[in-house]
Protein backbone atom coordinates (compact mmCIF):
# COMPACT_ATOMS: atom_id res chain seq x y z
CA MET A 1 64.48 101.31 88.29
CA ALA A 2 65.26 101.73 92.22
CA LYS A 3 68.76 102.60 93.42
CA PHE A 4 70.51 99.62 94.91
CA GLU A 5 70.44 99.96 98.82
CA HIS A 6 74.02 98.75 99.36
CA HIS A 7 77.30 99.07 97.13
CA LEU A 8 80.10 96.63 97.74
CA PHE A 9 83.35 97.64 95.83
CA VAL A 10 86.05 94.80 96.03
CA CYS A 11 89.51 96.08 94.96
CA GLU A 12 90.60 93.69 92.09
CA ASN A 13 93.76 95.91 91.00
CA VAL A 14 96.88 94.23 89.39
CA ARG A 15 100.48 95.52 90.41
CA PRO A 16 103.65 93.83 89.14
CA PRO A 17 104.69 90.92 91.45
CA GLU A 18 107.66 92.81 92.72
CA SER A 19 105.39 95.80 94.15
CA PRO A 20 106.29 96.21 98.02
CA ARG A 21 102.37 97.20 98.37
CA GLY A 22 101.42 93.99 96.93
CA CYS A 23 97.77 93.76 95.06
CA CYS A 24 94.34 92.59 95.88
CA SER A 25 94.09 90.57 92.67
CA ALA A 26 97.02 88.50 93.84
CA LYS A 27 95.45 87.81 97.06
CA GLY A 28 92.16 86.49 95.84
CA ALA A 29 89.92 89.48 95.26
CA ALA A 30 88.26 87.94 92.11
CA GLU A 31 87.13 85.02 94.26
CA VAL A 32 86.08 87.07 96.85
CA ARG A 33 83.83 89.16 94.65
CA ALA A 34 82.55 86.28 92.99
CA ARG A 35 81.67 84.85 96.12
CA LEU A 36 79.87 88.00 97.32
CA LYS A 37 77.77 87.76 94.30
CA GLU A 38 76.85 84.21 94.67
CA GLU A 39 75.94 84.78 98.40
CA LEU A 40 73.77 87.93 97.64
CA GLU A 41 71.96 86.06 94.94
CA GLN A 42 71.14 83.02 97.33
CA ARG A 43 69.68 85.35 99.73
CA GLY A 44 67.70 87.09 97.36
CA GLN A 45 69.43 90.42 97.40
CA LYS A 46 70.02 90.83 93.73
CA GLY A 47 68.78 94.10 92.42
CA ARG A 48 69.12 95.51 96.33
CA VAL A 49 72.76 94.84 96.92
CA ARG A 50 75.38 95.22 94.15
CA ALA A 51 78.91 93.55 94.14
CA ASN A 52 81.17 95.52 91.94
CA GLY A 53 85.05 94.90 90.97
CA ALA A 54 87.00 98.18 91.09
CA GLY A 55 90.29 99.30 90.43
CA CYS A 56 92.84 100.38 92.80
CA LEU A 57 91.15 101.37 96.10
CA ASP A 58 94.57 102.62 97.48
CA GLN A 59 94.79 100.08 100.39
CA CYS A 60 97.07 97.62 98.57
CA ALA A 61 99.09 96.54 101.70
CA GLN A 62 95.73 95.58 103.31
CA GLY A 63 94.04 93.67 100.38
CA PRO A 64 91.90 92.01 99.41
CA CYS A 65 89.78 95.03 100.68
CA ILE A 66 86.27 95.95 100.34
CA VAL A 67 84.39 99.34 100.82
CA ALA A 68 80.94 99.09 101.54
CA TYR A 69 78.36 101.92 100.98
CA PRO A 70 76.45 103.66 102.21
CA GLY A 71 78.11 103.84 105.55
CA GLN A 72 82.02 103.95 104.06
CA VAL A 73 82.95 100.73 105.86
CA TRP A 74 86.19 99.76 104.68
CA TYR A 75 87.39 95.80 105.49
CA GLY A 76 90.91 94.57 104.70
CA GLY A 77 92.49 91.07 104.62
CA VAL A 78 89.13 89.72 103.37
CA THR A 79 88.91 86.13 102.44
CA VAL A 80 86.31 83.94 100.60
CA ALA A 81 85.47 82.41 103.88
CA ASP A 82 84.60 85.81 105.18
CA VAL A 83 81.89 86.44 102.88
CA PRO A 84 78.76 85.08 104.82
CA GLU A 85 79.80 86.95 107.84
CA ILE A 86 80.16 90.52 105.82
CA VAL A 87 76.66 89.76 104.19
CA ASP A 88 75.08 88.68 107.54
CA ALA A 89 76.29 92.11 109.12
CA LEU A 90 75.28 94.28 105.94
CA LEU A 91 71.75 92.99 106.05
CA ALA A 92 71.65 93.45 109.46
CA GLY A 93 72.85 96.84 109.47
CA LYS A 94 76.19 95.96 111.51
CA VAL A 95 79.79 95.73 110.86
CA VAL A 96 82.38 93.00 111.23
CA GLU A 97 84.54 94.72 113.31
CA ARG A 98 87.63 92.35 113.01
CA LEU A 99 87.95 92.89 109.14
CA VAL A 100 87.55 96.83 109.38
CA ILE A 101 90.44 98.64 108.48
CA PRO A 102 90.95 101.65 111.17
CA ASP A 103 90.69 105.04 110.14
CA ALA A 104 94.27 105.59 111.04
CA LYS A 105 95.44 102.93 108.51
CA LEU A 106 93.53 103.90 105.36
CA THR A 107 95.63 105.99 102.72
CA GLY A 108 93.02 108.77 101.93
CA LYS A 109 94.07 112.17 103.35
CA ALA A 110 91.47 113.72 106.01
CA GLY A 111 89.70 116.94 104.59
CA ALA A 112 90.49 116.15 101.30
CA PRO A 113 87.75 117.50 98.77
CA ARG A 114 85.04 115.29 98.01
């Protein structure tokens, strides 16, 4: 079996409604992932690009969020309507700049062990 060329991880984490950070699930993440899977299949990318649901990616306030590998591209505030543009960019080796979460806003720590 060949390796996937790209992986798209879509946060589908659920937090309580009163959480100040919010959660990607309540913002339509499952619908975004479902649309990604449909779009990828329609374009003949099944087996080359994988869209996975993920637990918390720790970018709750900016969700729904997606991280695309390789490349470590973080997208935030993604909607179902954004999916075709994301897939276009991915297949062209580009990035949808308007959706990118800037490094300064990511909650990971620089220099953290990998």
